[in-house]
Amino acid sequence: MSEPTQKYSITMPRDIAEAARARSGPSGLSSYVAAAVARQIERDNLNDLIKVAEAEHGPIMEEEVQALRDQLHHAREQQRQGGADAA
């Protein structure tokens, strides 16, 4: 069962609205906008968590972020190679 909805009136620049309408496809503009707002809320929540973590543990250094990105990239490469070996 889907979540209850409510109708809202929003104002946005026409070019953005038309681009969103063109990309929304069969799900429609309302679904497209709702998904975009949900993603923004997720990003805002993550930023809040980062602020709390940095307040408690200090700032996250770019080198740490890059090291984790490198680990993730390496793990993805290993998965791809493992999947190719299994095929």
C-alpha atoms as a PDB file:
ATOM      1  CA  MET A   1       0.000   0.000   0.000  1.00  0.00           C
ATOM      2  CA  SER A   2       1.401   3.401  -0.908  1.00  0.00           C
ATOM      3  CA  GLU A   3       1.803   6.215   1.558  1.00  0.00           C
ATOM      4  CA  PRO A   4      -0.930   8.843   1.808  1.00  0.00           C
ATOM      5  CA  THR A   5      -0.385  11.883  -0.351  1.00  0.00           C
ATOM      6  CA  GLN A   6      -1.413  15.493  -0.174  1.00  0.00           C
ATOM      7  CA  LYS A   7      -1.585  18.081  -2.892  1.00  0.00           C
ATOM      8  CA  TYR A   8       0.773  21.072  -2.600  1.00  0.00           C
ATOM      9  CA  SER A   9       1.365  24.140  -4.665  1.00  0.00           C
ATOM     10  CA  ILE A  10       5.015  25.004  -5.271  1.00  0.00           C
ATOM     11  CA  THR A  11       6.741  27.704  -7.251  1.00  0.00           C
ATOM     12  CA  MET A  12       9.889  27.059  -9.266  1.00  0.00           C
ATOM     13  CA  PRO A  13      11.614  28.542 -12.286  1.00  0.00           C
ATOM     14  CA  ARG A  14       9.828  27.596 -15.502  1.00  0.00           C
ATOM     15  CA  ASP A  15      12.927  26.144 -17.179  1.00  0.00           C
ATOM     16  CA  ILE A  16      13.510  23.787 -14.250  1.00  0.00           C
ATOM     17  CA  ALA A  17       9.857  22.750 -14.184  1.00  0.00           C
ATOM     18  CA  GLU A  18       9.828  22.056 -17.925  1.00  0.00           C
ATOM     19  CA  ALA A  19      13.075  20.080 -17.757  1.00  0.00           C
ATOM     20  CA  ALA A  20      11.641  18.025 -14.882  1.00  0.00           C
ATOM     21  CA  ARG A  21       8.400  17.450 -16.776  1.00  0.00           C
ATOM     22  CA  ALA A  22      10.363  16.305 -19.838  1.00  0.00           C
ATOM     23  CA  ARG A  23      12.353  13.810 -17.752  1.00  0.00           C
ATOM     24  CA  SER A  24       9.545  12.608 -15.512  1.00  0.00           C
ATOM     25  CA  GLY A  25       8.287  10.017 -17.958  1.00  0.00           C
ATOM     26  CA  PRO A  26       5.192   7.940 -17.283  1.00  0.00           C
ATOM     27  CA  SER A  27       5.416   8.345 -13.497  1.00  0.00           C
ATOM     28  CA  GLY A  28       4.642  12.037 -13.884  1.00  0.00           C
ATOM     29  CA  LEU A  29       5.996  15.291 -12.587  1.00  0.00           C
ATOM     30  CA  SER A  30       4.694  14.820  -9.039  1.00  0.00           C
ATOM     31  CA  SER A  31       6.567  11.525  -8.607  1.00  0.00           C
ATOM     32  CA  TYR A  32       9.703  13.017 -10.114  1.00  0.00           C
ATOM     33  CA  VAL A  33       9.622  16.013  -7.777  1.00  0.00           C
ATOM     34  CA  ALA A  34       8.797  13.827  -4.754  1.00  0.00           C
ATOM     35  CA  ALA A  35      11.810  11.602  -5.500  1.00  0.00           C
ATOM     36  CA  ALA A  36      14.076  14.648  -5.864  1.00  0.00           C
ATOM     37  CA  VAL A  37      12.872  16.082  -2.556  1.00  0.00           C
ATOM     38  CA  ALA A  38      13.339  12.688  -0.845  1.00  0.00           C
ATOM     39  CA  ARG A  39      16.949  12.552  -2.114  1.00  0.00           C
ATOM     40  CA  GLN A  40      17.573  16.076  -0.819  1.00  0.00           C
ATOM     41  CA  ILE A  41      16.185  15.157   2.601  1.00  0.00           C
ATOM     42  CA  GLU A  42      18.523  12.130   2.686  1.00  0.00           C
ATOM     43  CA  ARG A  43      21.474  14.388   1.848  1.00  0.00           C
ATOM     44  CA  ASP A  44      20.447  16.890   4.515  1.00  0.00           C
ATOM     45  CA  ASN A  45      20.160  14.083   7.082  1.00  0.00           C
ATOM     46  CA  LEU A  46      23.610  12.771   6.121  1.00  0.00           C
ATOM     47  CA  ASN A  47      25.073  16.271   6.461  1.00  0.00           C
ATOM     48  CA  ASP A  48      23.516  16.507   9.940  1.00  0.00           C
ATOM     49  CA  LEU A  49      25.141  13.178  10.885  1.00  0.00           C
ATOM     50  CA  ILE A  50      28.497  14.353   9.562  1.00  0.00           C
ATOM     51  CA  LYS A  51      28.272  17.525  11.672  1.00  0.00           C
ATOM     52  CA  VAL A  52      27.511  15.498  14.791  1.00  0.00           C
ATOM     53  CA  ALA A  53      30.364  13.064  14.079  1.00  0.00           C
ATOM     54  CA  GLU A  54      32.820  15.881  13.374  1.00  0.00           C
ATOM     55  CA  ALA A  55      31.791  17.687  16.562  1.00  0.00           C
ATOM     56  CA  GLU A  56      32.502  14.510  18.517  1.00  0.00           C
ATOM     57  CA  HIS A  57      35.573  13.173  16.669  1.00  0.00           C
ATOM     58  CA  GLY A  58      37.006  16.151  14.810  1.00  0.00           C
ATOM     59  CA  PRO A  59      36.897  17.011  11.122  1.00  0.00           C
ATOM     60  CA  ILE A  60      37.109  14.328   8.475  1.00  0.00           C
ATOM     61  CA  MET A  61      40.281  14.789   6.468  1.00  0.00           C
ATOM     62  CA  GLU A  62      40.201  14.617   2.675  1.00  0.00           C
ATOM     63  CA  GLU A  63      42.928  11.955   2.784  1.00  0.00           C
ATOM     64  CA  GLU A  64      40.640   9.727   4.877  1.00  0.00           C
ATOM     65  CA  VAL A  65      37.789  10.192   2.439  1.00  0.00           C
ATOM     66  CA  GLN A  66      40.036   9.409  -0.523  1.00  0.00           C
ATOM     67  CA  ALA A  67      41.406   6.290   1.187  1.00  0.00           C
ATOM     68  CA  LEU A  68      37.862   5.008   1.704  1.00  0.00           C
ATOM     69  CA  ARG A  69      36.961   5.806  -1.906  1.00  0.00           C
ATOM     70  CA  ASP A  70      40.016   3.847  -3.030  1.00  0.00           C
ATOM     71  CA  GLN A  71      38.985   0.873  -0.867  1.00  0.00           C
ATOM     72  CA  LEU A  72      35.471   0.963  -2.307  1.00  0.00           C
ATOM     73  CA  HIS A  73      36.809   1.147  -5.872  1.00  0.00           C
ATOM     74  CA  HIS A  74      39.147  -1.779  -5.191  1.00  0.00           C
ATOM     75  CA  ALA A  75      36.314  -3.865  -3.688  1.00  0.00           C
ATOM     76  CA  ARG A  76      34.090  -3.151  -6.705  1.00  0.00           C
ATOM     77  CA  GLU A  77      36.869  -4.156  -9.075  1.00  0.00           C
ATOM     78  CA  GLN A  78      37.330  -7.426  -7.194  1.00  0.00           C
ATOM     79  CA  GLN A  79      33.581  -8.111  -7.399  1.00  0.00           C
ATOM     80  CA  ARG A  80      33.582  -7.482 -11.151  1.00  0.00           C
ATOM     81  CA  GLN A  81      36.554  -9.759 -11.675  1.00  0.00           C
ATOM     82  CA  GLY A  82      34.999 -12.433  -9.474  1.00  0.00           C
ATOM     83  CA  GLY A  83      31.763 -12.218 -11.426  1.00  0.00           C
ATOM     84  CA  ALA A  84      33.644 -12.510 -14.716  1.00  0.00           C
ATOM     85  CA  ASP A  85      35.549 -15.548 -13.433  1.00  0.00           C
ATOM     86  CA  ALA A  86      32.301 -17.267 -12.408  1.00  0.00           C
ATOM     87  CA  ALA A  87      30.686 -16.744 -15.800  1.00  0.00           C
END
